[in-house]
Each structure stands twice: as C-alpha cells, then as structure tokens.
Amino acid sequence: MLICHCNLITEREIEEAILDLLEQDPWSLIVPAKVYHSLRKRGRCCGCFPNVVETIIRVTEAYHLRSEASGMDVVSHLDRVRGLRAEYGSRTHEGRKAGHRAA
C-alpha cells in the first residue's frame, strides 16, 4: 500500500526502514523524520506522517514482542500514543489564556 504519495513510498518500505533502525538500537526513539532520513527522502506535505507514526508504533510493538523481553516488560505503545492524542489533541486554544488576543 502506498503511504507517501509525494515520495512514492510504500508501507513495506517504511516497515523495512523501521526494522533496520530497530536492529541498530532497539530502544531508540523512532520518528517519521528518522525513517525518511534512512530512506534518503524528506517529508514534503507531511500528510502521511500520522500513518507513518501508526506504522512505527505497530512495527516497534511487534518487534519488542518477538524479542527476548517478556510480555510484561513491553508497554503497549499504541495505547499510550492514542491516549496522549486524546488528551492533548482536543485542545484547540494552543495553550493560550482565554483573554489572549493576537491583535
């Protein structure tokens, strides 16, 4: 499936890049920019980044479940990120006080 229409990057290419990064350092923080850098690409419109984040979470979680760590040691990344999105994504005021005006 095509994930990035600007760079013509498939989901499989992103998954392979994530696995390569995890092989280098299993506990590194992987973000879309790091994945794109490893593919020698750059985000253009960045509309694909939410899908890339979901892929990073899914692949990282599966990688750690297959590793030697027990199931109790692995934190569900997907649930934590979705919880943070629900907590912080609902704010529409960007942290400004109610009386703040730009003009």
C-alpha atoms as a PDB file:
ATOM      1  CA  MET A   1       0.000   0.000   0.000  1.00  0.00           C
ATOM      2  CA  LEU A   2       1.274   3.458  -0.874  1.00  0.00           C
ATOM      3  CA  ILE A   3       1.763   5.562   2.265  1.00  0.00           C
ATOM      4  CA  CYS A   4       3.574   8.635   0.944  1.00  0.00           C
ATOM      5  CA  HIS A   5       2.213   9.914  -2.350  1.00  0.00           C
ATOM      6  CA  CYS A   6       4.784  12.710  -2.618  1.00  0.00           C
ATOM      7  CA  ASN A   7       7.779  10.345  -2.469  1.00  0.00           C
ATOM      8  CA  LEU A   8       6.050   7.151  -3.677  1.00  0.00           C
ATOM      9  CA  ILE A   9       6.961   5.200  -0.521  1.00  0.00           C
ATOM     10  CA  THR A  10       5.105   2.010   0.262  1.00  0.00           C
ATOM     11  CA  GLU A  11       4.148   0.689   3.665  1.00  0.00           C
ATOM     12  CA  ARG A  12       6.574  -2.211   3.185  1.00  0.00           C
ATOM     13  CA  GLU A  13       9.495   0.187   2.590  1.00  0.00           C
ATOM     14  CA  ILE A  14       8.621   2.080   5.764  1.00  0.00           C
ATOM     15  CA  GLU A  15       8.345  -1.169   7.747  1.00  0.00           C
ATOM     16  CA  GLU A  16      11.764  -2.306   6.496  1.00  0.00           C
ATOM     17  CA  ALA A  17      13.317   1.058   7.392  1.00  0.00           C
ATOM     18  CA  ILE A  18      11.848   0.848  10.900  1.00  0.00           C
ATOM     19  CA  LEU A  19      13.162  -2.695  11.364  1.00  0.00           C
ATOM     20  CA  ASP A  20      16.623  -1.577  10.208  1.00  0.00           C
ATOM     21  CA  LEU A  21      16.560   1.250  12.755  1.00  0.00           C
ATOM     22  CA  LEU A  22      15.420  -1.137  15.492  1.00  0.00           C
ATOM     23  CA  GLU A  23      18.241  -3.535  14.642  1.00  0.00           C
ATOM     24  CA  GLN A  24      20.720  -0.693  15.140  1.00  0.00           C
ATOM     25  CA  ASP A  25      19.223   0.322  18.507  1.00  0.00           C
ATOM     26  CA  PRO A  26      16.107  -1.480  19.773  1.00  0.00           C
ATOM     27  CA  TRP A  27      15.240   1.247  22.292  1.00  0.00           C
ATOM     28  CA  SER A  28      15.839   4.349  20.183  1.00  0.00           C
ATOM     29  CA  LEU A  29      13.041   6.820  19.615  1.00  0.00           C
ATOM     30  CA  ILE A  30      11.890   6.450  16.027  1.00  0.00           C
ATOM     31  CA  VAL A  31      10.021   9.358  14.474  1.00  0.00           C
ATOM     32  CA  PRO A  32       8.871   9.918  10.872  1.00  0.00           C
ATOM     33  CA  ALA A  33      11.825  12.222  10.114  1.00  0.00           C
ATOM     34  CA  LYS A  34      14.273   9.499  11.156  1.00  0.00           C
ATOM     35  CA  VAL A  35      12.500   6.958   8.929  1.00  0.00           C
ATOM     36  CA  TYR A  36      12.512   9.322   5.963  1.00  0.00           C
ATOM     37  CA  HIS A  37      16.171  10.174   6.542  1.00  0.00           C
ATOM     38  CA  SER A  38      17.068   6.477   6.489  1.00  0.00           C
ATOM     39  CA  LEU A  39      15.215   6.191   3.168  1.00  0.00           C
ATOM     40  CA  ARG A  40      17.107   9.251   1.870  1.00  0.00           C
ATOM     41  CA  LYS A  41      13.822  11.110   1.423  1.00  0.00           C
ATOM     42  CA  ARG A  42      12.181  14.053   3.133  1.00  0.00           C
ATOM     43  CA  GLY A  43       8.631  14.825   4.084  1.00  0.00           C
ATOM     44  CA  ARG A  44       7.053  17.246   1.661  1.00  0.00           C
ATOM     45  CA  CYS A  45       3.403  17.804   2.521  1.00  0.00           C
ATOM     46  CA  CYS A  46       3.738  15.585   5.659  1.00  0.00           C
ATOM     47  CA  GLY A  47       0.152  14.400   5.277  1.00  0.00           C
ATOM     48  CA  CYS A  48       1.419  10.827   5.560  1.00  0.00           C
ATOM     49  CA  PHE A  49       3.105  11.342   8.943  1.00  0.00           C
ATOM     50  CA  PRO A  50       0.106  10.182  11.020  1.00  0.00           C
ATOM     51  CA  ASN A  51       0.090   6.912   9.051  1.00  0.00           C
ATOM     52  CA  VAL A  52       3.855   6.626   9.422  1.00  0.00           C
ATOM     53  CA  VAL A  53       3.509   7.098  13.201  1.00  0.00           C
ATOM     54  CA  GLU A  54       0.908   4.323  13.339  1.00  0.00           C
ATOM     55  CA  THR A  55       3.251   2.073  11.332  1.00  0.00           C
ATOM     56  CA  ILE A  56       6.185   2.909  13.616  1.00  0.00           C
ATOM     57  CA  ILE A  57       4.124   2.019  16.673  1.00  0.00           C
ATOM     58  CA  ARG A  58       2.799  -1.215  15.182  1.00  0.00           C
ATOM     59  CA  VAL A  59       6.186  -2.437  13.910  1.00  0.00           C
ATOM     60  CA  THR A  60       8.036  -1.422  17.093  1.00  0.00           C
ATOM     61  CA  GLU A  61       5.478  -3.131  19.292  1.00  0.00           C
ATOM     62  CA  ALA A  62       5.652  -6.340  17.219  1.00  0.00           C
ATOM     63  CA  TYR A  63       9.463  -6.202  17.216  1.00  0.00           C
ATOM     64  CA  HIS A  64       9.635  -6.000  21.008  1.00  0.00           C
ATOM     65  CA  LEU A  65       7.010  -8.702  21.476  1.00  0.00           C
ATOM     66  CA  ARG A  66       9.176 -11.032  19.355  1.00  0.00           C
ATOM     67  CA  SER A  67      12.320 -10.086  21.279  1.00  0.00           C
ATOM     68  CA  GLU A  68      13.556 -11.763  24.446  1.00  0.00           C
ATOM     69  CA  ALA A  69      11.651  -9.367  26.713  1.00  0.00           C
ATOM     70  CA  SER A  70       8.658 -10.893  28.404  1.00  0.00           C
ATOM     71  CA  GLY A  71       5.179  -9.640  27.606  1.00  0.00           C
ATOM     72  CA  MET A  72       5.037  -7.876  30.969  1.00  0.00           C
ATOM     73  CA  ASP A  73       8.070  -5.758  30.065  1.00  0.00           C
ATOM     74  CA  VAL A  74       6.617  -4.451  26.819  1.00  0.00           C
ATOM     75  CA  VAL A  75       4.438  -1.363  27.113  1.00  0.00           C
ATOM     76  CA  SER A  76       1.619  -1.015  24.632  1.00  0.00           C
ATOM     77  CA  HIS A  77       2.939   1.929  22.628  1.00  0.00           C
ATOM     78  CA  LEU A  78      -0.178   2.236  20.529  1.00  0.00           C
ATOM     79  CA  ASP A  79      -2.491   2.620  23.517  1.00  0.00           C
ATOM     80  CA  ARG A  80      -0.212   5.200  25.138  1.00  0.00           C
ATOM     81  CA  VAL A  81       0.078   7.314  21.979  1.00  0.00           C
ATOM     82  CA  ARG A  82      -3.652   7.169  21.330  1.00  0.00           C
ATOM     83  CA  GLY A  83      -4.248   8.205  24.933  1.00  0.00           C
ATOM     84  CA  LEU A  84      -1.906  11.168  24.524  1.00  0.00           C
ATOM     85  CA  ARG A  85      -3.631  12.158  21.293  1.00  0.00           C
ATOM     86  CA  ALA A  86      -6.988  12.109  23.041  1.00  0.00           C
ATOM     87  CA  GLU A  87      -5.596  14.115  25.961  1.00  0.00           C
ATOM     88  CA  TYR A  88      -3.638  16.741  24.037  1.00  0.00           C
ATOM     89  CA  GLY A  89      -5.271  16.610  20.615  1.00  0.00           C
ATOM     90  CA  SER A  90      -8.544  18.011  21.894  1.00  0.00           C
ATOM     91  CA  ARG A  91      -7.050  21.353  22.918  1.00  0.00           C
ATOM     92  CA  THR A  92      -7.930  23.955  20.323  1.00  0.00           C
ATOM     93  CA  HIS A  93      -6.623  27.017  22.132  1.00  0.00           C
ATOM     94  CA  GLU A  94      -2.932  26.068  21.706  1.00  0.00           C
ATOM     95  CA  GLY A  95      -2.272  26.721  25.395  1.00  0.00           C
ATOM     96  CA  ARG A  96      -3.232  30.402  25.267  1.00  0.00           C
ATOM     97  CA  LYS A  97      -5.124  32.066  28.061  1.00  0.00           C
ATOM     98  CA  ALA A  98      -8.791  32.822  27.475  1.00  0.00           C
ATOM     99  CA  GLY A  99      -8.218  36.610  27.372  1.00  0.00           C
ATOM    100  CA  HIS A 100      -5.287  36.461  24.950  1.00  0.00           C
ATOM    101  CA  ARG A 101      -5.804  38.190  21.604  1.00  0.00           C
ATOM    102  CA  ALA A 102      -3.392  38.367  18.710  1.00  0.00           C
ATOM    103  CA  ALA A 103      -4.483  41.842  17.586  1.00  0.00           C
END
